[in-house]
Amino acid sequence: MRIMNILILALISAHGVYSFDFLNVGSLSVKRKLEHVLEDSEETACKNDLSSLMHDFYSKKTWAMKMIDAAGKPSSGIMFGNIMQSGNYDECMSINHNLIKGKYCTTIVKPIDGFEDVTFLKNGNSYLKALGVDFDRKNVTEVLDNIRWTWGFCIPLSCNQFDIQKIVNKTRDYLNIKFNFQFDDKYCTSSEKDPLTAKAIFGILLFLLIGIIITASTVYDIRVYKKTGCDKADILIAFSLYSNAKKLFSTQVSADNLGVVNGVRALSMTWVLLGHTFMVNLFFPSVNSIEIFDWKNHLYNVFVLAAPLAVDTFFALSGFLVVYVYFKSIYSNRKITWSMFYIHRILRLTPSLAMIIVFYLCILELLGEGPYWFAIKELYVRNCEKHWWSTLIYIQNYYNSLGTCVNQSWYLAVDTQLYFIAPVILYYLKKHAMKTLIAIAIVFSISALTAFSVSYNNYVGAAPFEAGSKYFTYLYHPTHIRMTAWLVGTVWGYILFRTKDVDLKIKKFYIVVIWAVHVILMIIIALSHVTMTRYSNPYDPLTAAFFNSLARPTWAWCICWLMFACIKGYGGILNDILSCKLFMIIARLNYSMFLVHLPIMLIFISQKRSSIYLSNLFICFDFWAYFTMTIAVSIPWTLAFESPIIVLERVLFSKNKKSQGFPKNGITNNLTIVDITDIKSKNIY
């Protein structure tokens, strides 16, 4: 019966797409009912404009027919997931007839109470059950319950949500339409552009001011500073594109550089971009959205489903480097000042983060339009208006983590919180190494057991791609859950330092066995993201709990072994690949890539005018476009908001240069003491 209901909608679609007589509005009886609705309505500008629309539509006037034509109509493929009918946004925006202008609104469509024949359109969960896709996964049900059938309307600009809602409700009752169309001014766009707000003017002027400073610094650098032949740091060239770009693109390395780290960082960031490209496409309206439930069942999609493991790679890198660099520095007679340890971290991270917050708050909503652009304002700009402060003080993973400003910045909060407790571990590792390692093992166990308990008791799922809000709130964002991978990294960082001057001699057979074990473990963990999220497989809370508590630290262990083996000469061709100098440049751009890639994706995909077709091929094309754009934007972003801070630090703290170990070239490429913060500022998901 439910399938028959969908087929009926498909037949309506065939009628509605090829005529202006959708829902039989051209019949005389319907016309009279519509006239009666308007006569019964309050006297408003909206009512008058709708009366003109109806009169001119039945008179076949072009502007009125365009307004009706611009509205959404049922399309083919309802049974294939095409349930968001956007209409023609630009056609609606172009309407301007005798002061009547077009206003595009996205409405939520729901069946009226008591109309059980179409309850399958109540939400995504009911819809899938009608198609025979049924499963017992509470976390997935939560996601599907938020999926709604949407419909684009073109209405006169004079109509606000209250005026049009009353008239539409009366029309629904008179015509016996079995659906509610819910209007909200937040989801409407008019052809009349609002004047620039004070915050927009502030954002534009701030970016222009920085541009002027960069230009002046560059001119001074080239025309004055270079002619002096002086190598002494000068605060006036801190923002110079010329000097900073030379350092950014330099491929010179010191003898003790850990080249493999750059490769791991660069490839992991690329993996993050790939995962996010699929994510934004999967959550965008598509004509074949039902196919995602089959798409997830194929092993060849593991490279997308397992992409969140890149986060744990960065956590492992963070712990690995903070320990290794610390011990390497103190045994090179460099003095550590803990106050500067913290200050340097904040100074390196916060300027770029603050500027991306300014971009979200002041600039983002000016950069596009379209039937889905309202989501940018409601989900991203509004969140920054409310919660920008929690992002700047790095607590957003605990405070309102589902509505944070700069969504991906939860990672910064976790990593910064772990960084702030790092001195405790570093101090006691130096004083009492064995006892500290035992303490790390105890904390690791507590964290893993907490993850197990949270997963088992809250039925949260086993991977982000099938997760509801509980998964992210209880399991994905909290530092006390995510710290296991970081702790694994700290242990391996200490192991690497202790064996730094040791010429390890391991028989080839054992090396092959160890490599085989670690590679097999990584493959199993990655493939588990596919097998554990198949809807054909019953959800097992116990299995999911083991996976959620052990998969991430095990992956981190394998990544640390990979780096350790490459550094100690047992990486073979893999070490040669990961140590490629191209990765050094991408690794320097990591932090900026982390900050700017999601806004770039959102700006492009949110301006699409109609539903997309989901396929690996098309999304991979999008990925390379986003990757290229991210690199292109990250270069000036790094040169504007990262490189100058490094130079300013070197100048301002030059008196303590010996004790602080600031980098000579202003860009991290050597593992000096400053790299404790320098590298961590790039280790970003």
Foldseek 3Di string as FASTA:
>chain_A
DLVVLVVVLQVLQVVVVPDLCRLHCLDPVNLVLLVVLLVPADDFPQSVQVVVLSVVVNVVNPLSSLQSQQKFGDHPQVLQQQQETAGFPVSQQPRDDPNWHKKKFKWFKAFDPPPVSNNCQHWQQSVVVSSVQDFPAVFLVQVGNPHTRIIMHIGTPRDAQVRVQSSVVSSCVSSVPRMHTHTHNLLMDHNDDDPADPLQVVLVVVVVVLVVLQVQLQCCVVVPVVVVVDLDFDLSNLLHPVQLVCLLQDLDFDPQFLLLLLLLLLVLLLLVLLLVLVVVQLPFRASRNVCVLVVLQDLVCLSRQLSVLSLLQLLLVLLLQLQLLVVVFVVVVFADDVVCLLVLLLLQFQQLLVSLLSCLQHPLLVQFDASQSSCSCPQANVLSVPAVVCLSVLNCLQPVLVRHHQNQSLSVSLSSVVSVCVVVLNVCCVVPVVVSLVVLVVLLVVLLVQLLVQLLVVSAFQGPVSGHPSCSNRQNRDNSNSNNSNSLSNVLSVVCNVCVVPQDDDDPVVLVVVLVVLVVLVSVLSSCSSVQPNSVDHHDSNVSSNSSRPSSNSNSNSSSVQSSCLSSPNNPVSVVVSSPSVSVSSLLLQLQLSRCLVSVSCSVVSNDHRHHHDDPVVSVVVSVVSVVVSVVVSSVSCSSRRQSSLSVCCVVCVVCCRNQVRDSSSTDRYSHNSVSSRSSSNSGD
